[in-house]
Amino acid sequence: MDRQEALESVEANVENQNLIKHMLATEAIMRALAKRLGEDEEVWGLTGLLHDIDVELTEGDMNAHSQLGADLVREMGASEEMAHAVLCHNEAHGVPVETQLDKALLCADPLTGLITAGALVLPDKKLANLKPKSVRKRFKEKGFAAGANRDQIAKCSELGIELDDFIELGVTAMQEVAPSLGL
């Protein structure tokens, strides 16, 4: 599987442009994490890109979400490691988070929402002007981007990365792909 094939599959299965942008943002953070941790950037990036491929197909049913996604990525030729990460990123299934890839996806997924919300409250709504320090401050505000699970984001420590460093890595990664995110 290559990135173009994966992106075409995302576009064929996902109509919501904001969801596609979330998946692109997750891909960017996953690639940055892989680079930092000496992992395979392509595998990690594709896992981030594909992790929510089934959200619309399952109509948001959290009991089905990610099970179908894991099956879809397997059919596309993804490794079992990638399929497992897609499956376990939805904690509703109770599938153990085991590998570095699993842990990375679990904490990168909600970070995109926190960072996006941080950019959207800026006057120009641009990632270019978003400071990691501002995101860190907003992290403490439970009502801000309430859907961004802080406990999951904080699990970056299980990757050996401090929260402040993780937020900075995420902001930088998303800034690098800002045009594709419309931010």
N, C-alpha and C. Protein backbone atom coordinates (compact mmCIF):
# COMPACT_ATOMS: atom_id res chain seq x y z
N MET A 1 0.84 -1.18 0.00
CA MET A 1 0.00 0.00 0.00
C MET A 1 0.88 1.24 0.00
N ASP A 2 0.54 2.20 -0.84
CA ASP A 2 1.28 3.46 -0.82
C ASP A 2 0.33 4.58 -0.38
N ARG A 3 0.89 5.74 -0.13
CA ARG A 3 0.10 6.84 0.41
C ARG A 3 -1.02 7.27 -0.53
N GLN A 4 -0.73 7.34 -1.82
CA GLN A 4 -1.75 7.78 -2.77
C GLN A 4 -2.94 6.83 -2.75
N GLU A 5 -2.66 5.55 -2.71
CA GLU A 5 -3.72 4.53 -2.64
C GLU A 5 -4.53 4.71 -1.35
N ALA A 6 -3.83 4.93 -0.24
CA ALA A 6 -4.49 5.12 1.05
C ALA A 6 -5.37 6.37 1.02
N LEU A 7 -4.85 7.46 0.48
CA LEU A 7 -5.60 8.71 0.41
C LEU A 7 -6.84 8.55 -0.47
N GLU A 8 -6.70 7.85 -1.58
CA GLU A 8 -7.86 7.60 -2.46
C GLU A 8 -8.93 6.80 -1.73
N SER A 9 -8.50 5.85 -0.92
CA SER A 9 -9.45 5.05 -0.14
C SER A 9 -10.15 5.91 0.91
N VAL A 10 -9.40 6.80 1.54
CA VAL A 10 -10.01 7.72 2.50
C VAL A 10 -11.07 8.56 1.79
N GLU A 11 -10.70 9.14 0.67
CA GLU A 11 -11.62 10.01 -0.06
C GLU A 11 -12.85 9.26 -0.58
N ALA A 12 -12.70 7.96 -0.86
CA ALA A 12 -13.82 7.15 -1.33
C ALA A 12 -14.78 6.78 -0.19
N ASN A 13 -14.25 6.73 1.04
CA ASN A 13 -15.05 6.28 2.18
C ASN A 13 -15.49 7.39 3.13
N VAL A 14 -14.94 8.58 2.97
CA VAL A 14 -15.22 9.67 3.90
C VAL A 14 -15.64 10.91 3.12
N GLU A 15 -16.84 11.39 3.39
CA GLU A 15 -17.34 12.60 2.73
C GLU A 15 -17.02 13.86 3.53
N ASN A 16 -17.05 13.75 4.85
CA ASN A 16 -16.87 14.90 5.73
C ASN A 16 -15.44 15.44 5.61
N GLN A 17 -15.31 16.63 5.06
CA GLN A 17 -13.98 17.21 4.83
C GLN A 17 -13.22 17.48 6.14
N ASN A 18 -13.94 17.82 7.19
CA ASN A 18 -13.27 18.04 8.48
C ASN A 18 -12.70 16.74 9.02
N LEU A 19 -13.38 15.64 8.80
CA LEU A 19 -12.85 14.34 9.22
C LEU A 19 -11.61 13.98 8.41
N ILE A 20 -11.63 14.25 7.13
CA ILE A 20 -10.44 14.00 6.30
C ILE A 20 -9.27 14.86 6.80
N LYS A 21 -9.55 16.11 7.13
CA LYS A 21 -8.49 16.99 7.65
C LYS A 21 -7.94 16.45 8.97
N HIS A 22 -8.81 15.93 9.81
CA HIS A 22 -8.36 15.31 11.06
C HIS A 22 -7.43 14.13 10.77
N MET A 23 -7.78 13.33 9.79
CA MET A 23 -6.96 12.18 9.44
C MET A 23 -5.61 12.61 8.87
N LEU A 24 -5.60 13.68 8.07
CA LEU A 24 -4.35 14.22 7.54
C LEU A 24 -3.48 14.79 8.67
N ALA A 25 -4.12 15.43 9.64
CA ALA A 25 -3.38 15.98 10.78
C ALA A 25 -2.79 14.84 11.62
N THR A 26 -3.57 13.79 11.81
CA THR A 26 -3.07 12.64 12.58
C THR A 26 -1.89 12.00 11.85
N GLU A 27 -2.00 11.91 10.53
CA GLU A 27 -0.88 11.39 9.74
C GLU A 27 0.38 12.22 9.98
N ALA A 28 0.26 13.53 9.95
CA ALA A 28 1.42 14.42 10.12
C ALA A 28 2.07 14.21 11.49
N ILE A 29 1.25 14.12 12.53
CA ILE A 29 1.80 13.92 13.87
C ILE A 29 2.44 12.54 13.98
N MET A 30 1.80 11.54 13.40
CA MET A 30 2.36 10.18 13.45
C MET A 30 3.70 10.11 12.72
N ARG A 31 3.82 10.78 11.60
CA ARG A 31 5.11 10.80 10.88
C ARG A 31 6.19 11.48 11.74
N ALA A 32 5.82 12.58 12.38
CA ALA A 32 6.78 13.28 13.24
C ALA A 32 7.19 12.42 14.43
N LEU A 33 6.24 11.71 15.00
CA LEU A 33 6.56 10.80 16.11
C LEU A 33 7.49 9.69 15.65
N ALA A 34 7.20 9.11 14.50
CA ALA A 34 8.04 8.04 13.97
C ALA A 34 9.47 8.53 13.77
N LYS A 35 9.60 9.71 13.21
CA LYS A 35 10.93 10.28 12.98
C LYS A 35 11.66 10.47 14.31
N ARG A 36 10.96 11.01 15.28
CA ARG A 36 11.57 11.26 16.59
C ARG A 36 11.99 9.96 17.28
N LEU A 37 11.17 8.92 17.12
CA LEU A 37 11.41 7.66 17.83
C LEU A 37 12.19 6.63 17.00
N GLY A 38 12.59 7.00 15.79
CA GLY A 38 13.35 6.09 14.95
C GLY A 38 12.51 4.94 14.40
N GLU A 39 11.24 5.21 14.16
CA GLU A 39 10.33 4.19 13.63
C GLU A 39 10.09 4.44 12.14
N ASP A 40 9.34 3.57 11.50
CA ASP A 40 9.06 3.66 10.08
C ASP A 40 8.02 4.76 9.82
N GLU A 41 8.46 5.86 9.24
CA GLU A 41 7.58 7.02 9.03
C GLU A 41 6.41 6.70 8.10
N GLU A 42 6.65 5.85 7.11
CA GLU A 42 5.58 5.51 6.16
C GLU A 42 4.49 4.69 6.86
N VAL A 43 4.89 3.68 7.60
CA VAL A 43 3.93 2.83 8.32
C VAL A 43 3.14 3.66 9.33
N TRP A 44 3.84 4.46 10.11
CA TRP A 44 3.17 5.25 11.13
C TRP A 44 2.27 6.30 10.50
N GLY A 45 2.74 6.95 9.43
CA GLY A 45 1.93 7.96 8.76
C GLY A 45 0.66 7.37 8.16
N LEU A 46 0.80 6.24 7.49
CA LEU A 46 -0.37 5.59 6.89
C LEU A 46 -1.36 5.15 7.95
N THR A 47 -0.86 4.71 9.08
CA THR A 47 -1.75 4.31 10.18
C THR A 47 -2.56 5.51 10.65
N GLY A 48 -1.91 6.65 10.78
CA GLY A 48 -2.61 7.88 11.17
C GLY A 48 -3.61 8.32 10.12
N LEU A 49 -3.23 8.22 8.87
CA LEU A 49 -4.11 8.63 7.78
C LEU A 49 -5.37 7.77 7.72
N LEU A 50 -5.23 6.49 7.97
CA LEU A 50 -6.34 5.55 7.80
C LEU A 50 -7.15 5.26 9.05
N HIS A 51 -6.74 5.75 10.20
CA HIS A 51 -7.31 5.29 11.46
C HIS A 51 -8.82 5.49 11.61
N ASP A 52 -9.38 6.50 10.97
CA ASP A 52 -10.82 6.76 11.08
C ASP A 52 -11.57 6.50 9.77
N ILE A 53 -11.04 5.66 8.92
CA ILE A 53 -11.62 5.42 7.60
C ILE A 53 -13.05 4.89 7.66
N ASP A 54 -13.44 4.32 8.79
CA ASP A 54 -14.77 3.69 8.89
C ASP A 54 -15.80 4.52 9.66
N VAL A 55 -15.46 5.71 10.09
CA VAL A 55 -16.38 6.49 10.94
C VAL A 55 -17.74 6.69 10.27
N GLU A 56 -17.74 7.10 9.02
CA GLU A 56 -19.02 7.31 8.34
C GLU A 56 -19.69 5.98 7.98
N LEU A 57 -18.89 5.00 7.65
CA LEU A 57 -19.45 3.68 7.30
C LEU A 57 -20.17 3.04 8.48
N THR A 58 -19.67 3.33 9.69
CA THR A 58 -20.29 2.77 10.90
C THR A 58 -21.28 3.76 11.51
N GLU A 59 -21.48 4.87 10.81
CA GLU A 59 -22.40 5.92 11.25
C GLU A 59 -22.11 6.39 12.67
N GLY A 60 -20.82 6.46 13.01
CA GLY A 60 -20.41 6.95 14.31
C GLY A 60 -20.67 6.00 15.47
N ASP A 61 -21.08 4.77 15.18
CA ASP A 61 -21.33 3.77 16.23
C ASP A 61 -19.99 3.34 16.83
N MET A 62 -19.71 3.81 18.05
CA MET A 62 -18.41 3.54 18.67
C MET A 62 -18.20 2.05 18.96
N ASN A 63 -19.27 1.28 18.99
CA ASN A 63 -19.11 -0.17 19.19
C ASN A 63 -18.67 -0.88 17.92
N ALA A 64 -18.87 -0.24 16.77
CA ALA A 64 -18.45 -0.81 15.50
C ALA A 64 -17.20 -0.12 14.95
N HIS A 65 -17.06 1.20 15.26
CA HIS A 65 -15.93 1.98 14.76
C HIS A 65 -14.61 1.34 15.15
N SER A 66 -13.74 1.28 14.24
CA SER A 66 -12.38 0.76 14.30
C SER A 66 -12.31 -0.75 14.08
N GLN A 67 -13.38 -1.49 14.36
CA GLN A 67 -13.37 -2.91 13.99
C GLN A 67 -13.44 -3.02 12.47
N LEU A 68 -14.39 -2.31 11.87
CA LEU A 68 -14.49 -2.29 10.42
C LEU A 68 -13.24 -1.64 9.83
N GLY A 69 -12.75 -0.58 10.47
CA GLY A 69 -11.55 0.11 9.99
C GLY A 69 -10.35 -0.82 9.93
N ALA A 70 -10.17 -1.63 10.96
CA ALA A 70 -9.06 -2.59 10.98
C ALA A 70 -9.20 -3.58 9.84
N ASP A 71 -10.42 -4.05 9.60
CA ASP A 71 -10.66 -4.98 8.48
C ASP A 71 -10.36 -4.31 7.14
N LEU A 72 -10.80 -3.07 6.99
CA LEU A 72 -10.56 -2.34 5.74
C LEU A 72 -9.08 -2.15 5.46
N VAL A 73 -8.31 -1.76 6.48
CA VAL A 73 -6.88 -1.54 6.23
C VAL A 73 -6.16 -2.85 5.94
N ARG A 74 -6.61 -3.93 6.56
CA ARG A 74 -6.04 -5.26 6.22
C ARG A 74 -6.28 -5.58 4.75
N GLU A 75 -7.54 -5.35 4.29
CA GLU A 75 -7.89 -5.62 2.89
C GLU A 75 -7.05 -4.77 1.94
N MET A 76 -6.64 -3.60 2.40
CA MET A 76 -5.83 -2.71 1.57
C MET A 76 -4.36 -3.12 1.56
N GLY A 77 -4.02 -4.11 2.38
CA GLY A 77 -2.64 -4.59 2.41
C GLY A 77 -1.82 -4.10 3.59
N ALA A 78 -2.47 -3.49 4.56
CA ALA A 78 -1.74 -3.02 5.75
C ALA A 78 -1.29 -4.21 6.58
N SER A 79 -0.24 -3.99 7.34
CA SER A 79 0.27 -5.04 8.22
C SER A 79 -0.69 -5.27 9.39
N GLU A 80 -0.51 -6.39 10.05
CA GLU A 80 -1.33 -6.68 11.23
C GLU A 80 -1.06 -5.65 12.32
N GLU A 81 0.17 -5.16 12.42
CA GLU A 81 0.51 -4.14 13.41
C GLU A 81 -0.30 -2.86 13.17
N MET A 82 -0.43 -2.48 11.92
CA MET A 82 -1.21 -1.29 11.59
C MET A 82 -2.69 -1.50 11.90
N ALA A 83 -3.21 -2.66 11.52
CA ALA A 83 -4.62 -2.98 11.77
C ALA A 83 -4.90 -3.00 13.27
N HIS A 84 -3.97 -3.53 14.06
CA HIS A 84 -4.15 -3.57 15.52
C HIS A 84 -4.20 -2.17 16.09
N ALA A 85 -3.33 -1.28 15.61
CA ALA A 85 -3.32 0.10 16.10
C ALA A 85 -4.65 0.79 15.77
N VAL A 86 -5.16 0.56 14.57
CA VAL A 86 -6.45 1.14 14.19
C VAL A 86 -7.55 0.60 15.11
N LEU A 87 -7.52 -0.70 15.37
CA LEU A 87 -8.54 -1.32 16.23
C LEU A 87 -8.49 -0.78 17.65
N CYS A 88 -7.30 -0.74 18.24
CA CYS A 88 -7.22 -0.39 19.67
C CYS A 88 -7.25 1.11 19.95
N HIS A 89 -7.21 1.95 18.91
CA HIS A 89 -7.29 3.40 19.19
C HIS A 89 -8.68 3.77 19.70
N ASN A 90 -9.66 2.92 19.47
CA ASN A 90 -11.00 3.12 20.01
C ASN A 90 -11.09 2.28 21.29
N GLU A 91 -10.98 2.95 22.41
CA GLU A 91 -10.92 2.25 23.70
C GLU A 91 -12.22 1.52 24.04
N ALA A 92 -13.29 1.76 23.28
CA ALA A 92 -14.58 1.10 23.55
C ALA A 92 -14.48 -0.42 23.40
N HIS A 93 -13.51 -0.89 22.64
CA HIS A 93 -13.38 -2.34 22.41
C HIS A 93 -12.60 -3.06 23.49
N GLY A 94 -11.86 -2.32 24.28
CA GLY A 94 -11.06 -2.95 25.34
C GLY A 94 -9.88 -3.75 24.81
N VAL A 95 -9.47 -3.48 23.58
CA VAL A 95 -8.31 -4.17 23.01
C VAL A 95 -7.06 -3.53 23.58
N PRO A 96 -6.16 -4.33 24.14
CA PRO A 96 -4.97 -3.77 24.78
C PRO A 96 -4.09 -2.97 23.81
N VAL A 97 -3.62 -1.84 24.32
CA VAL A 97 -2.66 -1.01 23.61
C VAL A 97 -1.29 -1.56 23.98
N GLU A 98 -0.58 -2.10 22.98
CA GLU A 98 0.64 -2.85 23.28
C GLU A 98 1.90 -2.25 22.67
N THR A 99 1.87 -1.94 21.40
CA THR A 99 3.08 -1.53 20.70
C THR A 99 3.28 -0.02 20.75
N GLN A 100 4.45 0.41 20.34
CA GLN A 100 4.72 1.84 20.24
C GLN A 100 3.76 2.49 19.25
N LEU A 101 3.46 1.78 18.16
CA LEU A 101 2.52 2.30 17.17
C LEU A 101 1.14 2.48 17.79
N ASP A 102 0.68 1.50 18.55
CA ASP A 102 -0.61 1.61 19.24
C ASP A 102 -0.65 2.84 20.13
N LYS A 103 0.39 2.99 20.94
CA LYS A 103 0.46 4.10 21.90
C LYS A 103 0.50 5.45 21.18
N ALA A 104 1.26 5.50 20.10
CA ALA A 104 1.39 6.75 19.35
C ALA A 104 0.05 7.19 18.76
N LEU A 105 -0.67 6.25 18.15
CA LEU A 105 -1.97 6.60 17.56
C LEU A 105 -2.96 7.03 18.64
N LEU A 106 -2.94 6.34 19.75
CA LEU A 106 -3.87 6.65 20.84
C LEU A 106 -3.70 8.08 21.34
N CYS A 107 -2.46 8.56 21.44
CA CYS A 107 -2.26 9.92 21.96
C CYS A 107 -2.25 10.98 20.86
N ALA A 108 -1.90 10.62 19.64
CA ALA A 108 -1.88 11.59 18.54
C ALA A 108 -3.30 11.96 18.09
N ASP A 109 -4.19 10.99 18.09
CA ASP A 109 -5.56 11.19 17.60
C ASP A 109 -6.25 12.38 18.27
N PRO A 110 -6.35 12.44 19.59
CA PRO A 110 -7.04 13.58 20.21
C PRO A 110 -6.23 14.87 20.20
N LEU A 111 -4.91 14.77 20.07
CA LEU A 111 -4.09 15.99 20.06
C LEU A 111 -4.45 16.86 18.85
N THR A 112 -4.83 16.25 17.74
CA THR A 112 -5.18 17.04 16.55
C THR A 112 -6.36 17.96 16.84
N GLY A 113 -7.32 17.48 17.60
CA GLY A 113 -8.49 18.30 17.93
C GLY A 113 -8.14 19.48 18.81
N LEU A 114 -7.27 19.24 19.79
CA LEU A 114 -6.85 20.31 20.68
C LEU A 114 -6.08 21.39 19.92
N ILE A 115 -5.20 20.95 19.04
CA ILE A 115 -4.40 21.90 18.25
C ILE A 115 -5.29 22.67 17.27
N THR A 116 -6.19 21.97 16.60
CA THR A 116 -7.10 22.63 15.67
C THR A 116 -7.95 23.68 16.39
N ALA A 117 -8.49 23.31 17.53
CA ALA A 117 -9.29 24.27 18.30
C ALA A 117 -8.45 25.47 18.72
N GLY A 118 -7.18 25.21 19.08
CA GLY A 118 -6.28 26.30 19.44
C GLY A 118 -6.06 27.28 18.30
N ALA A 119 -5.98 26.75 17.08
CA ALA A 119 -5.81 27.62 15.91
C ALA A 119 -7.10 28.38 15.61
N LEU A 120 -8.22 27.73 15.76
CA LEU A 120 -9.49 28.35 15.39
C LEU A 120 -9.91 29.51 16.30
N VAL A 121 -9.34 29.61 17.50
CA VAL A 121 -9.67 30.75 18.36
C VAL A 121 -8.74 31.94 18.12
N LEU A 122 -7.73 31.75 17.28
CA LEU A 122 -6.85 32.87 16.93
C LEU A 122 -7.58 33.80 15.97
N PRO A 123 -7.26 35.08 15.98
CA PRO A 123 -7.94 36.03 15.09
C PRO A 123 -7.88 35.62 13.61
N ASP A 124 -6.73 35.10 13.16
CA ASP A 124 -6.60 34.72 11.74
C ASP A 124 -6.89 33.25 11.48
N LYS A 125 -7.11 32.49 12.57
CA LYS A 125 -7.43 31.07 12.48
C LYS A 125 -6.37 30.28 11.71
N LYS A 126 -5.10 30.62 11.92
CA LYS A 126 -4.00 29.99 11.20
C LYS A 126 -3.05 29.27 12.16
N LEU A 127 -2.67 28.07 11.77
CA LEU A 127 -1.71 27.30 12.57
C LEU A 127 -0.35 28.00 12.66
N ALA A 128 -0.01 28.75 11.64
CA ALA A 128 1.29 29.42 11.60
C ALA A 128 1.52 30.29 12.83
N ASN A 129 0.45 30.86 13.38
CA ASN A 129 0.56 31.76 14.52
C ASN A 129 0.27 31.09 15.86
N LEU A 130 0.03 29.79 15.84
CA LEU A 130 -0.26 29.07 17.07
C LEU A 130 1.04 28.70 17.78
N LYS A 131 1.10 29.01 19.06
CA LYS A 131 2.28 28.69 19.87
C LYS A 131 1.98 27.46 20.73
N PRO A 132 2.93 26.54 20.81
CA PRO A 132 2.74 25.36 21.66
C PRO A 132 2.36 25.72 23.09
N LYS A 133 2.93 26.81 23.60
CA LYS A 133 2.64 27.26 24.97
C LYS A 133 1.14 27.55 25.13
N SER A 134 0.53 28.10 24.10
CA SER A 134 -0.90 28.40 24.13
C SER A 134 -1.72 27.11 24.17
N VAL A 135 -1.31 26.12 23.41
CA VAL A 135 -2.01 24.83 23.41
C VAL A 135 -1.87 24.17 24.78
N ARG A 136 -0.68 24.28 25.36
CA ARG A 136 -0.45 23.69 26.69
C ARG A 136 -1.36 24.34 27.72
N LYS A 137 -1.53 25.66 27.63
CA LYS A 137 -2.41 26.38 28.55
C LYS A 137 -3.85 25.90 28.36
N ARG A 138 -4.27 25.75 27.11
CA ARG A 138 -5.63 25.30 26.81
C ARG A 138 -5.84 23.84 27.23
N PHE A 139 -4.78 23.07 27.25
CA PHE A 139 -4.85 21.67 27.69
C PHE A 139 -5.46 21.58 29.09
N LYS A 140 -5.14 22.56 29.92
CA LYS A 140 -5.60 22.57 31.31
C LYS A 140 -7.07 22.99 31.44
N GLU A 141 -7.61 23.60 30.38
CA GLU A 141 -9.01 24.05 30.39
C GLU A 141 -9.90 22.91 29.89
N LYS A 142 -10.51 22.19 30.79
CA LYS A 142 -11.29 21.00 30.43
C LYS A 142 -12.45 21.31 29.48
N GLY A 143 -13.00 22.51 29.53
CA GLY A 143 -14.10 22.87 28.67
C GLY A 143 -13.68 23.24 27.25
N PHE A 144 -12.39 23.50 27.06
CA PHE A 144 -11.88 23.88 25.75
C PHE A 144 -11.60 22.61 24.95
N ALA A 145 -12.16 22.50 23.75
CA ALA A 145 -12.00 21.30 22.93
C ALA A 145 -12.27 20.07 23.80
N ALA A 146 -13.45 20.08 24.42
CA ALA A 146 -13.80 19.05 25.41
C ALA A 146 -13.71 17.63 24.86
N GLY A 147 -13.87 17.47 23.56
CA GLY A 147 -13.78 16.13 22.96
C GLY A 147 -12.37 15.60 22.85
N ALA A 148 -11.38 16.45 23.07
CA ALA A 148 -9.97 16.02 23.00
C ALA A 148 -9.59 15.40 24.34
N ASN A 149 -9.55 14.10 24.37
CA ASN A 149 -9.32 13.35 25.59
C ASN A 149 -7.91 13.62 26.14
N ARG A 150 -7.86 14.38 27.23
CA ARG A 150 -6.57 14.75 27.82
C ARG A 150 -5.80 13.55 28.36
N ASP A 151 -6.52 12.57 28.90
CA ASP A 151 -5.85 11.37 29.42
C ASP A 151 -5.12 10.63 28.30
N GLN A 152 -5.77 10.54 27.13
CA GLN A 152 -5.12 9.89 26.00
C GLN A 152 -3.90 10.69 25.53
N ILE A 153 -4.04 12.00 25.44
CA ILE A 153 -2.92 12.83 25.00
C ILE A 153 -1.74 12.67 25.95
N ALA A 154 -2.02 12.65 27.25
CA ALA A 154 -0.96 12.54 28.26
C ALA A 154 -0.24 11.19 28.23
N LYS A 155 -0.82 10.22 27.55
CA LYS A 155 -0.15 8.91 27.44
C LYS A 155 1.09 8.99 26.57
N CYS A 156 1.39 10.18 26.04
CA CYS A 156 2.64 10.36 25.31
C CYS A 156 3.84 10.01 26.19
N SER A 157 3.64 10.09 27.50
CA SER A 157 4.71 9.73 28.43
C SER A 157 5.10 8.27 28.28
N GLU A 158 4.16 7.42 27.83
CA GLU A 158 4.46 6.00 27.61
C GLU A 158 5.37 5.80 26.40
N LEU A 159 5.51 6.84 25.59
CA LEU A 159 6.45 6.82 24.47
C LEU A 159 7.79 7.45 24.86
N GLY A 160 7.87 7.91 26.10
CA GLY A 160 9.08 8.56 26.57
C GLY A 160 9.16 10.03 26.16
N ILE A 161 8.00 10.64 25.91
CA ILE A 161 7.96 12.03 25.49
C ILE A 161 7.16 12.84 26.51
N GLU A 162 7.76 13.92 26.99
CA GLU A 162 7.07 14.82 27.92
C GLU A 162 5.92 15.51 27.21
N LEU A 163 4.88 15.85 27.94
CA LEU A 163 3.70 16.47 27.36
C LEU A 163 4.04 17.75 26.59
N ASP A 164 4.85 18.63 27.16
CA ASP A 164 5.20 19.87 26.48
C ASP A 164 5.89 19.60 25.14
N ASP A 165 6.79 18.61 25.14
CA ASP A 165 7.49 18.24 23.90
C ASP A 165 6.52 17.65 22.88
N PHE A 166 5.57 16.86 23.36
CA PHE A 166 4.60 16.24 22.47
C PHE A 166 3.71 17.29 21.82
N ILE A 167 3.27 18.24 22.61
CA ILE A 167 2.44 19.32 22.07
C ILE A 167 3.23 20.12 21.04
N GLU A 168 4.48 20.42 21.34
CA GLU A 168 5.31 21.16 20.38
C GLU A 168 5.50 20.36 19.09
N LEU A 169 5.76 19.07 19.22
CA LEU A 169 5.91 18.20 18.06
C LEU A 169 4.63 18.21 17.22
N GLY A 170 3.48 18.11 17.89
CA GLY A 170 2.20 18.11 17.20
C GLY A 170 1.91 19.41 16.48
N VAL A 171 2.14 20.52 17.15
CA VAL A 171 1.91 21.83 16.53
C VAL A 171 2.81 21.99 15.30
N THR A 172 4.08 21.67 15.44
CA THR A 172 5.02 21.80 14.33
C THR A 172 4.62 20.91 13.16
N ALA A 173 4.24 19.67 13.46
CA ALA A 173 3.84 18.72 12.41
C ALA A 173 2.62 19.23 11.66
N MET A 174 1.65 19.74 12.39
CA MET A 174 0.44 20.25 11.74
C MET A 174 0.70 21.54 10.98
N GLN A 175 1.62 22.38 11.48
CA GLN A 175 1.97 23.59 10.76
C GLN A 175 2.57 23.25 9.41
N GLU A 176 3.33 22.16 9.34
CA GLU A 176 3.97 21.76 8.09
C GLU A 176 2.97 21.33 7.01
N VAL A 177 1.78 20.90 7.42
CA VAL A 177 0.75 20.49 6.46
C VAL A 177 -0.47 21.41 6.51
N ALA A 178 -0.29 22.59 7.08
CA ALA A 178 -1.41 23.53 7.29
C ALA A 178 -2.25 23.79 6.03
N PRO A 179 -1.65 23.95 4.85
CA PRO A 179 -2.50 24.20 3.67
C PRO A 179 -3.51 23.08 3.41
N SER A 180 -3.11 21.83 3.62
CA SER A 180 -4.05 20.72 3.39
C SER A 180 -5.10 20.63 4.48
N LEU A 181 -4.85 21.31 5.60
CA LEU A 181 -5.82 21.33 6.70
C LEU A 181 -6.72 22.56 6.66
N GLY A 182 -6.43 23.46 5.73
CA GLY A 182 -7.20 24.69 5.63
C GLY A 182 -6.97 25.63 6.79
N LEU A 183 -5.83 25.46 7.44
CA LEU A 183 -5.49 26.28 8.61
C LEU A 183 -4.15 26.97 8.38
